Structure formats: structure tokens, C-alpha cells
């Protein structure tokens, strides 16, 4: 393995060798493009609700879009199993070369899809199928890239080296925001043109990125740690069995999930995606302004992935990850309340002046929405108010009431639900249908978003090195990939869907935050009690060193 100088500081001189530069650059760049592919749909999920799902109920379509978004996350652990096994048997390099090919071609195919207006329910079926392929590929990509970089890194700098991989998900999101923003908001195409054909361009561009990424990765050599293991004949013949059916490794896989990656996953998606959706859907910020806000927060926050990766080489990974989970759980409610206050003060004032109650029957809790879903009058009323960014109190339907729904806005009672009638009453009482850009407090808004990004960098910057160091070489790819992708793909990826459904069902626009708060607190407690740091372990060490 090449000799590498030890780091001198978080942003000081780090005398990378030529090999180390190639490894980090090629792994990171390819992973950036892969995250870009995966997150294009995430950014456009609210927009796709109207393109790929039936009209008639805005929240139902949005939940459907989020369900398709979540499908890509739900399949990721299976990609971790499939490609993790191949990576431990065949090698790291060629495995994550295959994953980027699958991701690139499935993303390119999204740009060719017909819409619901053209082919009906076949459109979302095709969309979900491609999302599943994307998720399968991503399930194999991250573990391979993180393992590959860590196995090239010198002791004492694994956190720093792998932190460059940790920037890729955020940079991929940033790239997606830029490309979509250029298409939607720069004026070279109208909103109608973007809806008709322009939305396809960001997906079609991925083919160019794919070719570039494959070319770079073909020039890489296999991980020296893996090569040494194979030369010594110490590889695993059954990595799945040894990872998940053999003690104590199966215990560490479970602890890695519940005590590290689950909390990391919900903090990551709350600070970036849920914040974006909260701005655009709940606070009624226009798309370009919201993209700019999140994009600036990403720019100011991304260097801290490197900082916390570097810091983890000095003080340990686990304490930084758990501190991020705890801070997020304690402060999410005040932070999102502050977003409302600084981004759309008119909406906050309207809510304070106008108490809203909903008395109804036949109310249902909808998560996975499809042709089987039936929406009652109560569901449509709650959908309308939640989409308006308004909290409401649910009260019993008066005895003898003949209507299924009675909405009270301040002192005005509306019997039965008609969207036009409710809209008229809201307008009469001064409801702001969109956020006033001139009323946004930009410095305070950016501070709030930056704080949430700092939590993201705390939990995510050190996580790759932490997971790599938990498992021996012969089953490392498989063992670390599964808890990572369940934590991020299931716990994290389900967040927008669950939070949106919880807010609509409860009547409180902030109620969905309970989900990431509870998961983050669970991770903090389990990680504190049952996990230990292994930042100084030798990755060449015998399997007994990992017990």
C-alpha cells in the first residue's frame, strides 16, 4: 500500500500520494453522479405527483409520488446484499463499476417514460420499476466506494479520507438542484415546456455523466487490503452467512443499524429533503427560492463533512455521530418553527389569528396510496388544509349533524367540504396563498438551514469509517452495506412519506417531526450503551480483533 503522510489539520496540508488522489477522486466523482441520478426524482417528487399519478386529490398524488420515491430506498438493502456479496467474493472495484452502470441506464430511462395522461397506471408502474433498479444499484455503490477508499487509507486518516465520499450525497443533491433549477427557472423554457418535455433533460444528461464515470473507474486498481486477503487465501466463501447468521457479527450488524445508521439516516433526510419539501409545500415558497436556500446551505455546510471526518480521526467517530442525533432530536421542533417564522411570517400570523377546527367522520390514515385507496370527505378536507400549510384541531362531530365534515375557521362554520368554498373563506380572512419573498428574513433562514446541515455533517461525515472499522475484511462490504442501507433507505427514505401522512392525519404541520426525533433518540441511547469506537483498529487485523 502506498505511504501516505498523516494529516496536519482539518484544512491544512495533506500530502496525498498519486494513488490516494486517484482513489478518492474516482470513487467520489462516480458516487456524486450516482447520487445525482438517485436524487433527481427526490427533488422533483412533488412535481411528478401531477405527471405520473391520477388527478383529483393533491395529497393523495403527493403521497403516491413519495411512495415511488420511497420504493427506491426500500430496495436498497437488497442491493446491499446482492452487490455486497459480489464485492466480498470478486472485489470492490468491479462491483461498484457494475452498480454505476445499472444506475446510469435506469436514470436515463426515466427521461424516456410516458406520463399518466398518456398510458394511465402503466406510467407509475414503469416509474417505480426504474426506481427499484436505481435503489438496487445504490445499495451496492456506497458500501463499495466507502470500503474501497478506507482500505486504501493509512491508519489515522480513515475518517478524513472517507469523509470525501460522505460529501458525495450532498454534492449529488446540489448538482440535481442546479440542473433542475437551470431547466425550470432561468427563463430559457416556460413552465408549460418544462412540464411537457423539459423535465426529461436532467435525466437524459445522466448518460454523459455515466460514460465519464465508467471511464475513470476503469483506470482504478483493486483495494490492497482485499488483494492481500485473497493472496493469503482468507476470503469468505459465504459472506451472507458469515455476516448475518454467525455470532457475533450478526449482533454488530444489528447494533450498527439501531445504534448508528438509523438515526444518521433520519437526520440526513430531515436536514435536506424534508426541509426542502417543508419550504415548498407547507410554507409556499416558490421553487427557485427554495432551491437557492437549500443550495446555499449545502455550500456552507459541505466543508464540515471533511471537518468532522478529520475530527473523528482524533476523538473518535461514535461520539460525534451520537451528538448529532441528540442535538437534532432536541432542536427540530424549534428549528422548523423558526423556519415558519422567518420564511412566511404572514402564514404564522394568519394561523395565530384564525383557529381552525375539523369535525368529521370516516377519517382514514393513508400512507401507500394506489388504485385501491378510497378518500372520504374528511380525508379531502384534511388534505386541503395540510396542503395549505395550516394546522387544525380535530374535534368530535356534533350529535345529530347531517354533514360528514364541519370546518370552522375563526368564527366561520363551513358545513360539508367544498374546496372552492373553503378557499373563499380563507381568502376573505387574509390567508397568504404564497410566501412573500420580500418578507423572508434571509440571514435567519439560512442560519436555521445551516444548523440543520451541521447536524447532517456530524452524523454523516464519520459514518463510513465507523462502519468499515466494525467488520473484518472478508465480509466488510456485505456487513457494512446492509445496516447502512436499512438505516438510510428504510428509516431515512421513508421520512418524507411518513411525515407527510402524519401531518395530514394529526392536523399539525409539525407533527411529522416526531418520526425523526424518536428514531434519533433511539440511536443515541443504543449507540451510547452498546457500541464502541474502533478508530485505531488495523484493517488487516485477524477476525478475532473485531469481536
Protein backbone atom coordinates (compact mmCIF):
# COMPACT_ATOMS: atom_id res chain seq x y z
CA UNK A 1 0.00 0.00 0.00
CA UNK A 2 1.28 3.48 -0.80
CA UNK A 3 2.83 5.51 2.01
CA UNK A 4 0.66 8.47 2.96
CA UNK A 5 1.52 11.41 5.18
CA UNK A 6 -0.57 11.97 8.25
CA UNK A 7 -2.93 14.95 8.20
CA UNK A 8 -1.84 18.13 9.89
CA UNK A 9 -5.19 19.80 10.32
CA UNK A 10 -8.75 19.94 9.06
CA UNK A 11 -7.91 22.20 6.16
CA UNK A 12 -4.14 22.17 6.26
CA UNK A 13 -1.74 20.34 4.00
CA UNK A 14 -2.48 16.65 3.39
CA UNK A 15 0.24 15.25 1.17
CA UNK A 16 -1.86 12.84 -0.84
CA UNK A 17 0.03 10.31 -2.91
CA UNK A 18 -0.89 9.98 -6.57
CA UNK A 19 -2.68 6.71 -5.87
CA UNK A 20 -4.66 8.17 -2.99
CA UNK A 21 -5.74 11.14 -5.10
CA UNK A 22 -6.94 8.83 -7.89
CA UNK A 23 -8.80 6.58 -5.45
CA UNK A 24 -10.60 9.42 -3.66
CA UNK A 25 -11.31 11.38 -6.84
CA UNK A 26 -12.60 8.47 -8.90
CA UNK A 27 -14.65 6.97 -6.07
CA UNK A 28 -16.11 10.31 -5.01
CA UNK A 29 -16.86 11.60 -8.50
CA UNK A 30 -18.61 8.42 -9.56
CA UNK A 31 -20.61 8.39 -6.33
CA UNK A 32 -21.59 12.06 -6.81
CA UNK A 33 -23.06 11.19 -10.19
CA UNK A 34 -24.82 8.16 -8.75
CA UNK A 35 -26.42 10.24 -6.01
CA UNK A 36 -27.32 12.86 -8.63
CA UNK A 37 -29.16 10.18 -10.58
CA UNK A 38 -30.95 8.91 -7.49
CA UNK A 39 -31.97 12.32 -6.14
CA UNK A 40 -33.30 13.81 -9.36
CA UNK A 41 -36.59 12.10 -8.63
CA UNK A 42 -36.47 13.14 -4.98
CA UNK A 43 -36.21 16.83 -5.84
CA UNK A 44 -38.96 16.54 -8.45
CA UNK A 45 -41.25 14.27 -6.39
CA UNK A 46 -43.90 16.96 -5.73
CA UNK A 47 -43.74 17.93 -9.42
CA UNK A 48 -44.04 14.30 -10.55
CA UNK A 49 -47.20 13.91 -8.46
CA UNK A 50 -49.09 15.65 -11.26
CA UNK A 51 -47.25 13.87 -14.09
CA UNK A 52 -47.32 10.23 -13.08
CA UNK A 53 -50.34 9.88 -10.80
CA UNK A 54 -54.08 10.46 -11.27
CA UNK A 55 -55.50 13.94 -10.62
CA UNK A 56 -58.21 14.78 -8.10
CA UNK A 57 -56.54 14.74 -4.67
CA UNK A 58 -53.32 16.70 -4.21
CA UNK A 59 -52.12 14.93 -1.06
CA UNK A 60 -53.03 11.51 -2.49
CA UNK A 61 -50.93 12.24 -5.57
CA UNK A 62 -48.13 13.63 -3.39
CA UNK A 63 -48.18 10.55 -1.17
CA UNK A 64 -48.09 8.38 -4.29
CA UNK A 65 -45.08 10.31 -5.55
CA UNK A 66 -43.39 9.95 -2.17
CA UNK A 67 -44.22 6.23 -2.17
CA UNK A 68 -42.43 5.85 -5.51
CA UNK A 69 -39.61 7.92 -4.02
CA UNK A 70 -39.54 5.59 -1.01
CA UNK A 71 -39.54 2.47 -3.22
CA UNK A 72 -36.00 3.26 -4.33
CA UNK A 73 -34.97 3.38 -0.69
CA UNK A 74 -36.83 0.25 0.37
CA UNK A 75 -34.98 -1.85 -2.20
CA UNK A 76 -31.53 -0.54 -1.25
CA UNK A 77 -30.84 -3.20 1.44
CA UNK A 78 -31.43 -5.91 -1.16
CA UNK A 79 -28.87 -4.20 -3.39
CA UNK A 80 -26.54 -4.22 -0.39
CA UNK A 81 -27.00 -7.98 -0.05
CA UNK A 82 -26.60 -8.69 -3.77
CA UNK A 83 -23.64 -6.45 -4.52
CA UNK A 84 -22.10 -6.74 -1.06
CA UNK A 85 -21.76 -10.49 -1.55
CA UNK A 86 -20.24 -9.98 -5.01
CA UNK A 87 -17.88 -7.35 -3.62
CA UNK A 88 -16.62 -9.67 -0.90
CA UNK A 89 -16.22 -12.55 -3.33
CA UNK A 90 -14.96 -10.87 -6.51
CA UNK A 91 -13.63 -7.49 -5.41
CA UNK A 92 -14.58 -3.90 -4.66
CA UNK A 93 -13.59 -2.24 -7.93
CA UNK A 94 -15.62 -4.26 -10.43
CA UNK A 95 -18.66 -4.45 -8.17
CA UNK A 96 -19.20 -0.74 -7.87
CA UNK A 97 -18.40 -0.41 -11.57
CA UNK A 98 -21.44 -2.59 -12.27
CA UNK A 99 -23.61 -0.57 -9.87
CA UNK A 100 -22.91 2.70 -11.65
CA UNK A 101 -23.85 1.13 -15.00
CA UNK A 102 -27.20 -0.03 -13.62
CA UNK A 103 -27.86 3.35 -12.01
CA UNK A 104 -26.91 5.34 -15.10
CA UNK A 105 -29.04 3.41 -17.56
CA UNK A 106 -32.11 3.28 -15.29
CA UNK A 107 -31.89 7.04 -14.71
CA UNK A 108 -31.55 7.69 -18.43
CA UNK A 109 -34.66 5.55 -18.99
CA UNK A 110 -36.70 7.74 -16.60
CA UNK A 111 -36.21 10.54 -19.11
CA UNK A 112 -37.98 8.43 -21.73
CA UNK A 113 -41.04 7.48 -19.65
CA UNK A 114 -44.62 8.21 -20.77
CA UNK A 115 -46.84 10.12 -18.31
CA UNK A 116 -50.12 9.12 -16.67
CA UNK A 117 -52.04 11.18 -19.23
CA UNK A 118 -50.57 9.00 -21.99
CA UNK A 119 -50.68 5.45 -20.64
CA UNK A 120 -52.56 5.60 -17.31
CA UNK A 121 -51.37 3.38 -14.46
CA UNK A 122 -48.61 1.91 -16.62
CA UNK A 123 -46.71 5.19 -16.11
CA UNK A 124 -46.27 4.89 -12.32
CA UNK A 125 -45.60 1.14 -12.69
CA UNK A 126 -42.71 1.87 -15.05
CA UNK A 127 -41.52 4.70 -12.82
CA UNK A 128 -41.48 2.52 -9.71
CA UNK A 129 -39.70 -0.27 -11.63
CA UNK A 130 -36.90 2.11 -12.59
CA UNK A 131 -36.77 3.48 -9.04
CA UNK A 132 -36.29 -0.09 -7.83
CA UNK A 133 -33.36 -0.55 -10.21
CA UNK A 134 -31.86 2.72 -9.00
CA UNK A 135 -32.23 1.67 -5.38
CA UNK A 136 -30.73 -1.75 -6.10
CA UNK A 137 -27.69 -0.13 -7.69
CA UNK A 138 -27.24 2.42 -4.93
CA UNK A 139 -27.43 -0.38 -2.38
CA UNK A 140 -24.22 -1.75 -3.85
CA UNK A 141 -22.48 1.51 -4.71
CA UNK A 142 -21.99 3.21 -1.36
CA UNK A 143 -20.57 0.25 0.55
CA UNK A 144 -18.14 -0.45 -2.27
CA UNK A 145 -16.90 3.12 -2.54
CA UNK A 146 -16.57 3.59 1.23
CA UNK A 147 -14.80 0.24 1.70
CA UNK A 148 -12.52 0.86 -1.26
CA UNK A 149 -11.37 4.28 -0.01
CA UNK A 150 -10.98 3.13 3.61
CA UNK A 151 -8.89 0.15 2.55
CA UNK A 152 -6.55 2.49 0.67
CA UNK A 153 -6.24 4.94 3.58
CA UNK A 154 -3.40 4.95 6.10
CA UNK A 155 -4.16 4.43 9.80
CA UNK A 156 -5.01 7.69 11.48
CA UNK A 157 -6.71 9.22 8.47
CA UNK A 158 -9.53 6.86 7.51
CA UNK A 159 -12.12 9.30 8.81
CA UNK A 160 -10.63 12.12 6.77
CA UNK A 161 -10.24 10.10 3.56
CA UNK A 162 -13.72 8.55 3.68
CA UNK A 163 -15.29 11.91 4.54
CA UNK A 164 -14.75 12.88 0.90
CA UNK A 165 -17.10 10.03 -0.01
CA UNK A 166 -19.54 11.45 2.55
CA UNK A 167 -19.73 14.75 0.66
CA UNK A 168 -20.96 12.97 -2.46
CA UNK A 169 -24.60 12.53 -1.44
CA UNK A 170 -24.92 16.23 -0.64
CA UNK A 171 -22.99 17.25 -3.75
CA UNK A 172 -25.20 14.96 -5.81
CA UNK A 173 -28.26 16.71 -4.39
CA UNK A 174 -26.64 20.09 -5.08
CA UNK A 175 -25.92 19.08 -8.67
CA UNK A 176 -29.51 17.92 -9.10
CA UNK A 177 -30.79 21.26 -7.74
CA UNK A 178 -28.55 23.18 -10.15
CA UNK A 179 -29.53 21.20 -13.25
CA UNK A 180 -33.25 21.28 -12.43
CA UNK A 181 -33.04 24.97 -11.50
CA UNK A 182 -31.36 25.79 -14.82
CA UNK A 183 -34.14 23.99 -16.66
CA UNK A 184 -37.07 25.35 -14.65
CA UNK A 185 -36.20 28.85 -13.54
CA UNK A 186 -33.69 30.51 -15.86
CA UNK A 187 -36.27 31.53 -18.46
CA UNK A 188 -34.99 29.53 -21.40
CA UNK A 189 -38.09 27.35 -21.20
CA UNK A 190 -41.58 28.17 -19.98
CA UNK A 191 -43.25 26.29 -17.10
CA UNK A 192 -45.51 24.63 -19.67
CA UNK A 193 -42.50 23.47 -21.70
CA UNK A 194 -40.81 22.10 -18.59
CA UNK A 195 -43.97 20.17 -17.69
CA UNK A 196 -44.33 18.86 -21.24
CA UNK A 197 -40.76 17.79 -22.05
CA UNK A 198 -38.17 19.84 -20.17
CA UNK A 199 -38.28 17.67 -17.04
CA UNK A 200 -36.72 14.86 -19.10
CA UNK A 201 -33.46 16.73 -19.73
CA UNK A 202 -31.85 16.28 -16.26
CA UNK A 203 -32.39 12.52 -16.57
CA UNK A 204 -31.07 12.29 -20.12
CA UNK A 205 -27.92 14.22 -19.14
CA UNK A 206 -27.04 11.36 -16.80
CA UNK A 207 -25.87 9.30 -19.79
CA UNK A 208 -22.96 11.71 -20.30
CA UNK A 209 -22.09 11.52 -16.61
CA UNK A 210 -22.26 7.73 -16.74
CA UNK A 211 -19.76 7.47 -19.60
CA UNK A 212 -17.33 9.80 -17.81
CA UNK A 213 -17.63 7.91 -14.50
CA UNK A 214 -17.11 4.48 -16.07
CA UNK A 215 -14.04 5.71 -17.93
CA UNK A 216 -12.44 6.99 -14.71
CA UNK A 217 -13.25 3.91 -12.64
CA UNK A 218 -11.86 1.52 -15.24
CA UNK A 219 -8.43 3.01 -14.52
CA UNK A 220 -8.50 2.06 -10.83
CA UNK A 221 -6.76 -0.95 -9.29
CA UNK A 222 -8.26 -3.28 -6.68
CA UNK A 223 -8.10 -2.46 -2.95
CA UNK A 224 -4.71 -3.51 -1.48
CA UNK A 225 -6.37 -4.89 1.65
CA UNK A 226 -8.65 -7.09 -0.48
CA UNK A 227 -5.74 -8.19 -2.68
CA UNK A 228 -3.70 -9.20 0.37
CA UNK A 229 -6.63 -11.13 1.82
CA UNK A 230 -7.15 -13.03 -1.44
CA UNK A 231 -3.41 -13.75 -1.74
CA UNK A 232 -3.43 -15.23 1.76
CA UNK A 233 -6.49 -17.34 0.95
CA UNK A 234 -8.53 -15.83 3.78
CA UNK A 235 -11.57 -14.71 1.78
CA UNK A 236 -15.10 -15.72 2.68
CA UNK A 237 -16.92 -18.32 0.63
CA UNK A 238 -20.30 -17.41 2.12
CA UNK A 239 -20.30 -13.71 3.08
CA UNK A 240 -24.07 -13.57 3.61
CA UNK A 241 -24.00 -16.49 6.04
CA UNK A 242 -20.99 -15.18 7.93
CA UNK A 243 -22.39 -11.65 8.08
CA UNK A 244 -25.94 -12.31 9.23
CA UNK A 245 -26.16 -15.85 10.59
CA UNK A 246 -22.95 -16.09 12.59
CA UNK A 247 -22.42 -14.59 16.04
CA UNK A 248 -21.08 -12.04 16.99
CA UNK A 249 -21.05 -10.41 13.55
CA UNK A 250 -24.85 -10.53 13.26
CA UNK A 251 -25.07 -8.72 16.61
CA UNK A 252 -22.81 -5.95 15.33
CA UNK A 253 -24.86 -5.60 12.14
CA UNK A 254 -27.99 -5.03 14.25
CA UNK A 255 -26.20 -2.62 16.58
CA UNK A 256 -24.74 -0.72 13.62
CA UNK A 257 -28.28 -0.26 12.32
CA UNK A 258 -30.07 0.75 15.50
CA UNK A 259 -27.16 2.49 17.23
CA UNK A 260 -25.71 4.44 14.30
CA UNK A 261 -27.26 4.40 10.81
CA UNK A 262 -30.99 4.68 11.66
CA UNK A 263 -30.50 7.98 13.48
CA UNK A 264 -27.98 9.14 10.91
CA UNK A 265 -30.48 8.38 8.14
CA UNK A 266 -33.38 10.40 9.57
CA UNK A 267 -31.14 13.35 10.45
CA UNK A 268 -29.72 13.35 6.91
CA UNK A 269 -33.12 13.37 5.20
CA UNK A 270 -34.73 15.81 7.62
CA UNK A 271 -31.98 18.39 7.21
CA UNK A 272 -32.06 18.31 3.42
CA UNK A 273 -35.12 16.78 1.76
CA UNK A 274 -37.77 17.29 4.40
CA UNK A 275 -36.55 20.86 4.88
CA UNK A 276 -36.91 21.41 1.11
CA UNK A 277 -40.41 19.93 1.00
CA UNK A 278 -41.42 21.91 4.10
CA UNK A 279 -40.34 25.13 2.39
CA UNK A 280 -42.13 24.46 -0.90
CA UNK A 281 -45.24 22.55 0.19
CA UNK A 282 -46.02 23.85 3.68
CA UNK A 283 -44.55 27.36 3.65
CA UNK A 284 -45.47 28.07 0.00
CA UNK A 285 -42.01 29.22 -1.07
CA UNK A 286 -41.54 29.26 -4.85
CA UNK A 287 -39.28 26.56 -6.25
CA UNK A 288 -36.33 28.72 -7.28
CA UNK A 289 -36.16 30.46 -3.90
CA UNK A 290 -36.35 27.15 -2.03
CA UNK A 291 -33.67 25.58 -4.23
CA UNK A 292 -31.46 28.62 -3.64
CA UNK A 293 -31.93 28.37 0.12
CA UNK A 294 -31.09 24.67 0.27
CA UNK A 295 -28.28 25.08 -2.25
CA UNK A 296 -26.62 27.83 -0.18
CA UNK A 297 -26.99 25.76 2.98
CA UNK A 298 -25.30 22.86 1.17
CA UNK A 299 -22.43 25.10 0.05
CA UNK A 300 -21.83 26.45 3.56
CA UNK A 301 -22.35 23.08 5.22
CA UNK A 302 -20.48 20.66 2.95
CA UNK A 303 -16.93 21.50 4.20
CA UNK A 304 -17.99 20.25 7.62
CA UNK A 305 -18.25 16.68 6.28
CA UNK A 306 -14.48 16.88 5.87
CA UNK A 307 -14.03 18.61 9.22
CA UNK A 308 -15.97 16.03 11.21
CA UNK A 309 -14.29 13.20 9.30
CA UNK A 310 -10.93 14.69 10.27
CA UNK A 311 -12.08 15.29 13.86
CA UNK A 312 -13.22 11.67 14.13
CA UNK A 313 -9.62 10.57 13.49
CA UNK A 314 -8.69 12.45 16.65
CA UNK A 315 -11.54 11.98 19.12
CA UNK A 316 -13.48 9.03 17.67
CA UNK A 317 -16.43 8.58 15.29
CA UNK A 318 -19.23 7.44 17.59
CA UNK A 319 -19.36 10.41 19.95
CA UNK A 320 -19.71 12.83 17.00
CA UNK A 321 -22.48 10.76 15.39
CA UNK A 322 -24.43 10.42 18.65
CA UNK A 323 -24.01 14.11 19.49
CA UNK A 324 -25.53 15.00 16.10
CA UNK A 325 -28.51 12.70 16.74
CA UNK A 326 -29.13 14.16 20.19
CA UNK A 327 -28.86 17.80 19.09
CA UNK A 328 -31.24 17.16 16.18
CA UNK A 329 -33.83 15.45 18.38
CA UNK A 330 -33.75 18.30 20.93
CA UNK A 331 -33.96 21.17 18.46
CA UNK A 332 -36.05 20.06 15.44
CA UNK A 333 -39.33 21.50 16.73
CA UNK A 334 -37.92 24.97 17.47
CA UNK A 335 -35.89 24.97 14.24
CA UNK A 336 -38.87 24.20 11.99
CA UNK A 337 -40.98 26.66 13.96
CA UNK A 338 -38.28 29.24 13.31
CA UNK A 339 -38.42 28.43 9.58
CA UNK A 340 -42.12 29.28 9.55
CA UNK A 341 -41.47 32.49 11.48
CA UNK A 342 -38.64 33.73 9.25
CA UNK A 343 -39.78 32.41 5.87
CA UNK A 344 -43.54 33.04 5.88
CA UNK A 345 -44.46 35.31 8.81
CA UNK A 346 -47.83 36.09 7.20
CA UNK A 347 -48.80 32.41 7.36
CA UNK A 348 -47.73 32.24 11.00
CA UNK A 349 -49.77 35.36 11.85
CA UNK A 350 -52.81 34.07 9.98
CA UNK A 351 -52.67 30.82 11.94
CA UNK A 352 -52.37 32.70 15.24
CA UNK A 353 -55.40 34.86 14.47
CA UNK A 354 -57.60 32.14 12.99
CA UNK A 355 -58.12 28.94 14.95
CA UNK A 356 -59.24 26.09 12.69
CA UNK A 357 -61.17 23.02 13.76
CA UNK A 358 -62.34 20.00 11.78
CA UNK A 359 -65.24 17.88 12.98
CA UNK A 360 -65.64 14.82 10.78
CA UNK A 361 -66.23 11.11 10.48
CA UNK A 362 -64.77 8.38 8.27
CA UNK A 363 -61.24 9.81 8.53
CA UNK A 364 -58.52 7.42 7.32
CA UNK A 365 -54.73 7.29 7.65
CA UNK A 366 -53.17 6.94 4.19
CA UNK A 367 -49.53 6.07 3.57
CA UNK A 368 -49.18 3.90 0.46
CA UNK A 369 -51.69 5.30 -2.00
CA UNK A 370 -52.84 3.49 -5.12
CA UNK A 371 -55.91 2.49 -7.13
CA UNK A 372 -57.21 0.68 -4.01
CA UNK A 373 -57.30 3.88 -1.93
CA UNK A 374 -60.65 5.47 -1.11
CA UNK A 375 -60.69 9.06 0.15
CA UNK A 376 -63.57 10.20 2.32
CA UNK A 377 -64.81 13.77 2.61
CA UNK A 378 -62.84 14.03 5.84
CA UNK A 379 -59.66 12.91 4.05
CA UNK A 380 -60.14 15.53 1.36
CA UNK A 381 -60.73 18.27 3.93
CA UNK A 382 -57.64 17.35 5.93
CA UNK A 383 -55.68 17.07 2.68
CA UNK A 384 -56.72 20.56 1.63
CA UNK A 385 -55.80 22.23 4.92
CA UNK A 386 -52.49 20.41 5.25
CA UNK A 387 -51.53 21.34 1.70
CA UNK A 388 -52.37 24.94 2.62
CA UNK A 389 -49.77 24.77 5.39
CA UNK A 390 -52.40 25.16 8.08
CA UNK A 391 -52.67 23.27 11.36
CA UNK A 392 -56.11 22.40 12.68
CA UNK A 393 -57.68 20.81 15.73
CA UNK A 394 -59.78 17.69 15.30
CA UNK A 395 -62.99 17.78 17.35
CA UNK A 396 -65.98 15.40 17.63
CA UNK A 397 -68.78 15.79 15.12
CA UNK A 398 -71.81 17.32 16.90
CA UNK A 399 -74.63 14.91 17.71
CA UNK A 400 -77.30 14.96 15.06
CA UNK A 401 -75.08 16.56 12.40
CA UNK A 402 -76.13 15.51 8.90
CA UNK A 403 -72.84 16.52 7.27
CA UNK A 404 -69.74 14.34 7.25
CA UNK A 405 -67.44 17.33 7.78
CA UNK A 406 -67.78 20.66 9.57
CA UNK A 407 -64.84 23.07 9.28
CA UNK A 408 -64.62 26.12 11.50
CA UNK A 409 -62.21 28.92 10.57
CA UNK A 410 -62.15 31.52 13.32
CA UNK A 411 -65.89 32.13 13.81
CA UNK A 412 -67.00 30.97 10.37
CA UNK A 413 -68.50 27.50 10.07
CA UNK A 414 -68.44 25.56 6.80
CA UNK A 415 -70.73 22.53 6.66
CA UNK A 416 -69.61 19.87 4.21
CA UNK A 417 -66.40 20.16 2.28
CA UNK A 418 -66.08 22.13 -0.92
CA UNK A 419 -62.58 23.28 -1.81
CA UNK A 420 -63.81 26.43 -3.54
CA UNK A 421 -65.89 27.46 -0.53
CA UNK A 422 -63.04 26.88 1.93
CA UNK A 423 -60.64 28.77 -0.35
CA UNK A 424 -63.02 31.73 -0.49
CA UNK A 425 -63.33 31.89 3.31
CA UNK A 426 -59.55 31.65 3.74
CA UNK A 427 -59.00 34.43 1.22
CA UNK A 428 -61.63 36.57 2.93
CA UNK A 429 -59.78 36.22 6.22
CA UNK A 430 -56.41 37.15 4.71
CA UNK A 431 -54.78 33.77 4.10
CA UNK A 432 -51.45 34.18 2.20
CA UNK A 433 -51.56 31.76 -0.71
CA UNK A 434 -47.79 32.04 -1.24
CA UNK A 435 -44.79 33.27 0.69
CA UNK A 436 -43.86 36.89 0.14
CA UNK A 437 -40.21 36.86 -0.98
CA UNK A 438 -39.74 40.39 0.33
CA UNK A 439 -40.81 39.30 3.82
CA UNK A 440 -38.31 36.43 4.08
CA UNK A 441 -35.61 37.00 6.69
CA UNK A 442 -32.73 35.54 4.68
CA UNK A 443 -29.95 35.69 7.30
CA UNK A 444 -32.02 33.91 9.96
CA UNK A 445 -33.49 31.42 7.46
CA UNK A 446 -30.02 30.50 6.23
CA UNK A 447 -28.79 30.17 9.81
CA UNK A 448 -31.60 27.70 10.62
CA UNK A 449 -30.95 25.65 7.47
CA UNK A 450 -27.19 25.73 8.09
CA UNK A 451 -27.64 24.44 11.65
CA UNK A 452 -29.64 21.50 10.31
CA UNK A 453 -26.88 20.89 7.74
CA UNK A 454 -24.29 20.87 10.53
CA UNK A 455 -26.26 18.05 12.20
CA UNK A 456 -26.17 16.23 8.85
CA UNK A 457 -22.39 16.58 8.61
CA UNK A 458 -21.93 15.43 12.22
CA UNK A 459 -23.82 12.18 11.73
CA UNK A 460 -22.72 11.50 8.15
CA UNK A 461 -19.11 12.69 7.98
CA UNK A 462 -17.68 9.90 10.20
CA UNK A 463 -20.20 7.12 9.45
CA UNK A 464 -18.30 5.42 6.58
CA UNK A 465 -15.11 4.99 8.58
CA UNK A 466 -17.12 3.89 11.62
CA UNK A 467 -18.90 1.13 9.68
CA UNK A 468 -15.78 -0.05 7.83
CA UNK A 469 -13.98 -0.45 11.17
CA UNK A 470 -16.75 -2.59 12.64
CA UNK A 471 -16.27 -5.60 10.34
CA UNK A 472 -13.41 -7.83 9.12
CA UNK A 473 -12.13 -7.61 5.54
CA UNK A 474 -13.61 -10.83 4.19
CA UNK A 475 -17.22 -9.77 4.92
CA UNK A 476 -16.79 -5.98 5.25
CA UNK A 477 -18.58 -4.96 2.04
CA UNK A 478 -21.63 -7.10 2.85
CA UNK A 479 -21.76 -6.43 6.59
CA UNK A 480 -21.47 -2.64 6.46
CA UNK A 481 -23.72 -2.16 3.43
CA UNK A 482 -26.85 -3.75 4.89
CA UNK A 483 -27.18 -1.69 8.10
CA UNK A 484 -26.22 1.45 6.18
CA UNK A 485 -28.93 0.99 3.57
CA UNK A 486 -31.62 -0.10 6.02
CA UNK A 487 -30.80 2.91 8.19
CA UNK A 488 -30.76 5.32 5.27
CA UNK A 489 -33.08 3.55 2.84
CA UNK A 490 -35.81 2.48 5.24
CA UNK A 491 -35.57 4.74 8.27
CA UNK A 492 -34.39 7.77 6.31
CA UNK A 493 -36.02 7.22 2.92
CA UNK A 494 -39.46 6.72 4.42
CA UNK A 495 -39.28 10.06 6.22
CA UNK A 496 -40.99 12.36 3.65
CA UNK A 497 -43.79 9.84 3.14
CA UNK A 498 -44.43 9.17 6.85
CA UNK A 499 -44.01 12.78 7.94
CA UNK A 500 -46.46 14.00 5.29
CA UNK A 501 -49.02 11.34 6.24
CA UNK A 502 -48.63 12.05 9.98
CA UNK A 503 -49.09 15.79 9.47
CA UNK A 504 -52.26 15.29 7.41
CA UNK A 505 -53.75 12.80 9.87
CA UNK A 506 -52.91 14.77 13.02
CA UNK A 507 -53.78 18.26 11.85
CA UNK A 508 -50.40 19.61 12.99
CA UNK A 509 -47.94 20.69 10.27
CA UNK A 510 -45.04 19.90 12.64
CA UNK A 511 -46.30 16.51 13.81
CA UNK A 512 -44.28 14.57 11.23
CA UNK A 513 -41.10 15.65 13.05
CA UNK A 514 -41.87 13.14 15.80
CA UNK A 515 -40.68 10.40 13.47
CA UNK A 516 -37.05 11.58 13.06
CA UNK A 517 -36.92 12.72 16.69
CA UNK A 518 -37.90 9.30 18.08
CA UNK A 519 -35.54 7.43 15.74
CA UNK A 520 -32.63 9.79 16.51
CA UNK A 521 -33.19 9.36 20.26
CA UNK A 522 -33.33 5.58 19.86
CA UNK A 523 -29.99 5.64 18.06
CA UNK A 524 -28.45 7.88 20.71
CA UNK A 525 -29.43 5.54 23.56
CA UNK A 526 -28.49 2.27 21.83
CA UNK A 527 -25.23 3.64 20.43
CA UNK A 528 -24.23 5.08 23.80
CA UNK A 529 -24.93 1.84 25.67
CA UNK A 530 -23.83 -0.88 23.27
CA UNK A 531 -21.35 0.42 20.67
CA UNK A 532 -17.67 1.29 20.95
CA UNK A 533 -15.25 3.18 18.75
CA UNK A 534 -12.63 1.30 16.73
CA UNK A 535 -10.89 4.18 15.03
CA UNK A 536 -7.41 2.76 15.71
CA UNK A 537 -8.07 -0.81 14.54
CA UNK A 538 -5.83 -2.28 11.83
CA UNK A 539 -8.00 -3.20 8.84
CA UNK A 540 -5.58 -6.07 8.12
CA UNK A 541 -6.24 -7.46 11.61
CA UNK A 542 -7.37 -11.02 12.22
CA UNK A 543 -11.10 -11.60 12.53
CA UNK A 544 -10.78 -12.00 16.31
CA UNK A 545 -9.86 -8.33 16.64
CA UNK A 546 -13.40 -7.37 15.59
CA UNK A 547 -15.14 -9.30 18.35
